[in-house]
Amino acid sequence: MKRTDSKPHQKPSWVTQAPRRLGSRSMGQGFALVECLVYIAVVMTIVGIGLSLYLKLLSFHRDLERNATDITRSIKAGEVWRADIRSAVGPVSYTHLTLPTIYSV
């Protein structure tokens, strides 16, 4: 059987093309293992930084909440003290018989 086209027989592309470098890929080919490991390392670094920032923020929140609770307690204690002072009527007297002087209203 004779060939009908006028082109001479061509060699397959894998014979004529030079070998490609590691890491260069064309469309449709998968990732190299080294590339996957690099991507995993980058993602884990970002996740680690985010986690450390989250834990630091959680610590700041806990400290702020503790400070707010202390401020609330001191304000309530001040209000109780003011109520005691306002409710006191009568002259101030003191007892000098004991070592600490006792003042009473």
C-alpha atoms as a PDB file:
ATOM      1  CA  MET A   1       0.000   0.000   0.000  1.00  0.00           C
ATOM      2  CA  LYS A   2       1.299   3.398  -0.967  1.00  0.00           C
ATOM      3  CA  ARG A   3       1.153   6.530   1.089  1.00  0.00           C
ATOM      4  CA  THR A   4      -1.059   9.223  -0.337  1.00  0.00           C
ATOM      5  CA  ASP A   5       0.309  12.256   1.507  1.00  0.00           C
ATOM      6  CA  SER A   6       3.424  13.969   0.335  1.00  0.00           C
ATOM      7  CA  LYS A   7       4.892  14.562   3.811  1.00  0.00           C
ATOM      8  CA  PRO A   8       7.720  12.318   4.857  1.00  0.00           C
ATOM      9  CA  HIS A   9       7.308  10.137   7.935  1.00  0.00           C
ATOM     10  CA  GLN A  10       7.705  12.227  11.117  1.00  0.00           C
ATOM     11  CA  LYS A  11       9.277  10.991  14.338  1.00  0.00           C
ATOM     12  CA  PRO A  12       7.185  11.020  17.541  1.00  0.00           C
ATOM     13  CA  SER A  13       7.376  14.184  19.612  1.00  0.00           C
ATOM     14  CA  TRP A  14       9.066  12.451  22.546  1.00  0.00           C
ATOM     15  CA  VAL A  15      11.998  11.640  20.314  1.00  0.00           C
ATOM     16  CA  THR A  16      12.506  15.131  18.898  1.00  0.00           C
ATOM     17  CA  GLN A  17      11.878  17.213  22.015  1.00  0.00           C
ATOM     18  CA  ALA A  18      14.603  17.905  24.538  1.00  0.00           C
ATOM     19  CA  PRO A  19      13.993  16.631  28.075  1.00  0.00           C
ATOM     20  CA  ARG A  20      12.237  19.146  30.304  1.00  0.00           C
ATOM     21  CA  ARG A  21      13.666  20.500  33.532  1.00  0.00           C
ATOM     22  CA  LEU A  22      12.263  19.331  36.860  1.00  0.00           C
ATOM     23  CA  GLY A  23       9.483  21.654  37.983  1.00  0.00           C
ATOM     24  CA  SER A  24       8.468  22.898  34.550  1.00  0.00           C
ATOM     25  CA  ARG A  25       5.165  21.478  33.508  1.00  0.00           C
ATOM     26  CA  SER A  26       2.649  22.073  30.805  1.00  0.00           C
ATOM     27  CA  MET A  27      -1.124  22.166  31.091  1.00  0.00           C
ATOM     28  CA  GLY A  28      -2.689  18.892  32.096  1.00  0.00           C
ATOM     29  CA  GLN A  29       0.200  17.495  34.078  1.00  0.00           C
ATOM     30  CA  GLY A  30       0.149  17.027  37.844  1.00  0.00           C
ATOM     31  CA  PHE A  31       2.198  18.528  40.637  1.00  0.00           C
ATOM     32  CA  ALA A  32       5.564  17.205  41.602  1.00  0.00           C
ATOM     33  CA  LEU A  33       5.971  15.858  45.118  1.00  0.00           C
ATOM     34  CA  VAL A  34       8.422  18.632  45.963  1.00  0.00           C
ATOM     35  CA  GLU A  35       5.907  21.268  44.887  1.00  0.00           C
ATOM     36  CA  CYS A  36       3.225  19.702  47.084  1.00  0.00           C
ATOM     37  CA  LEU A  37       5.590  19.673  50.054  1.00  0.00           C
ATOM     38  CA  VAL A  38       6.433  23.342  49.487  1.00  0.00           C
ATOM     39  CA  TYR A  39       2.737  24.267  49.290  1.00  0.00           C
ATOM     40  CA  ILE A  40       1.999  22.273  52.443  1.00  0.00           C
ATOM     41  CA  ALA A  41       4.860  24.025  54.261  1.00  0.00           C
ATOM     42  CA  VAL A  42       3.608  27.465  53.201  1.00  0.00           C
ATOM     43  CA  VAL A  43       0.036  26.685  54.252  1.00  0.00           C
ATOM     44  CA  MET A  44       1.179  25.266  57.593  1.00  0.00           C
ATOM     45  CA  THR A  45       3.294  28.369  58.225  1.00  0.00           C
ATOM     46  CA  ILE A  46       0.317  30.628  57.572  1.00  0.00           C
ATOM     47  CA  VAL A  47      -1.931  28.476  59.773  1.00  0.00           C
ATOM     48  CA  GLY A  48       0.689  28.482  62.548  1.00  0.00           C
ATOM     49  CA  ILE A  49       1.014  32.260  62.489  1.00  0.00           C
ATOM     50  CA  GLY A  50      -2.777  32.617  62.506  1.00  0.00           C
ATOM     51  CA  LEU A  51      -3.113  30.213  65.434  1.00  0.00           C
ATOM     52  CA  SER A  52      -0.480  32.018  67.485  1.00  0.00           C
ATOM     53  CA  LEU A  53      -2.204  35.356  66.837  1.00  0.00           C
ATOM     54  CA  TYR A  54      -5.568  33.843  67.810  1.00  0.00           C
ATOM     55  CA  LEU A  55      -4.170  32.487  71.080  1.00  0.00           C
ATOM     56  CA  LYS A  56      -2.575  35.852  71.883  1.00  0.00           C
ATOM     57  CA  LEU A  57      -5.891  37.585  71.152  1.00  0.00           C
ATOM     58  CA  LEU A  58      -7.694  35.085  73.392  1.00  0.00           C
ATOM     59  CA  SER A  59      -5.256  35.868  76.211  1.00  0.00           C
ATOM     60  CA  PHE A  60      -5.794  39.620  75.747  1.00  0.00           C
ATOM     61  CA  HIS A  61      -9.556  39.069  75.838  1.00  0.00           C
ATOM     62  CA  ARG A  62      -9.309  37.081  79.070  1.00  0.00           C
ATOM     63  CA  ASP A  63      -7.168  39.797  80.696  1.00  0.00           C
ATOM     64  CA  LEU A  64      -9.528  42.547  79.546  1.00  0.00           C
ATOM     65  CA  GLU A  65     -12.543  40.650  80.882  1.00  0.00           C
ATOM     66  CA  ARG A  66     -10.781  40.149  84.240  1.00  0.00           C
ATOM     67  CA  ASN A  67      -9.975  43.869  84.434  1.00  0.00           C
ATOM     68  CA  ALA A  68     -13.570  44.814  83.583  1.00  0.00           C
ATOM     69  CA  THR A  69     -14.835  42.473  86.323  1.00  0.00           C
ATOM     70  CA  ASP A  70     -12.446  44.043  88.852  1.00  0.00           C
ATOM     71  CA  ILE A  71     -13.601  47.538  87.881  1.00  0.00           C
ATOM     72  CA  THR A  72     -17.248  46.498  88.246  1.00  0.00           C
ATOM     73  CA  ARG A  73     -16.584  45.027  91.704  1.00  0.00           C
ATOM     74  CA  SER A  74     -14.782  48.149  92.878  1.00  0.00           C
ATOM     75  CA  ILE A  75     -17.596  50.398  91.639  1.00  0.00           C
ATOM     76  CA  LYS A  76     -20.171  48.273  93.500  1.00  0.00           C
ATOM     77  CA  ALA A  77     -18.053  48.345  96.666  1.00  0.00           C
ATOM     78  CA  GLY A  78     -17.789  52.128  96.356  1.00  0.00           C
ATOM     79  CA  GLU A  79     -21.553  52.421  96.000  1.00  0.00           C
ATOM     80  CA  VAL A  80     -22.073  50.304  99.133  1.00  0.00           C
ATOM     81  CA  TRP A  81     -19.587  52.464 101.031  1.00  0.00           C
ATOM     82  CA  ARG A  82     -21.297  55.673  99.853  1.00  0.00           C
ATOM     83  CA  ALA A  83     -24.687  54.275 100.888  1.00  0.00           C
ATOM     84  CA  ASP A  84     -23.293  53.507 104.355  1.00  0.00           C
ATOM     85  CA  ILE A  85     -21.868  57.015 104.675  1.00  0.00           C
ATOM     86  CA  ARG A  86     -25.105  58.665 103.509  1.00  0.00           C
ATOM     87  CA  SER A  87     -27.215  56.582 105.897  1.00  0.00           C
ATOM     88  CA  ALA A  88     -25.097  57.517 108.911  1.00  0.00           C
ATOM     89  CA  VAL A  89     -26.757  60.138 111.096  1.00  0.00           C
ATOM     90  CA  GLY A  90     -25.628  61.454 114.447  1.00  0.00           C
ATOM     91  CA  PRO A  91     -22.427  62.745 115.938  1.00  0.00           C
ATOM     92  CA  VAL A  92     -19.138  61.014 115.414  1.00  0.00           C
ATOM     93  CA  SER A  93     -17.690  59.468 118.583  1.00  0.00           C
ATOM     94  CA  TYR A  94     -14.532  57.582 119.242  1.00  0.00           C
ATOM     95  CA  THR A  95     -13.342  55.146 121.848  1.00  0.00           C
ATOM     96  CA  HIS A  96      -9.763  55.606 122.959  1.00  0.00           C
ATOM     97  CA  LEU A  97      -9.622  52.675 125.393  1.00  0.00           C
ATOM     98  CA  THR A  98      -8.216  50.144 122.957  1.00  0.00           C
ATOM     99  CA  LEU A  99      -5.012  50.429 120.999  1.00  0.00           C
ATOM    100  CA  PRO A 100      -6.667  51.117 117.666  1.00  0.00           C
ATOM    101  CA  THR A 101      -9.009  54.054 118.071  1.00  0.00           C
ATOM    102  CA  ILE A 102     -12.566  53.087 117.169  1.00  0.00           C
ATOM    103  CA  TYR A 103     -14.753  55.672 115.502  1.00  0.00           C
ATOM    104  CA  SER A 104     -18.515  55.212 115.416  1.00  0.00           C
ATOM    105  CA  VAL A 105     -21.440  57.227 114.182  1.00  0.00           C
END
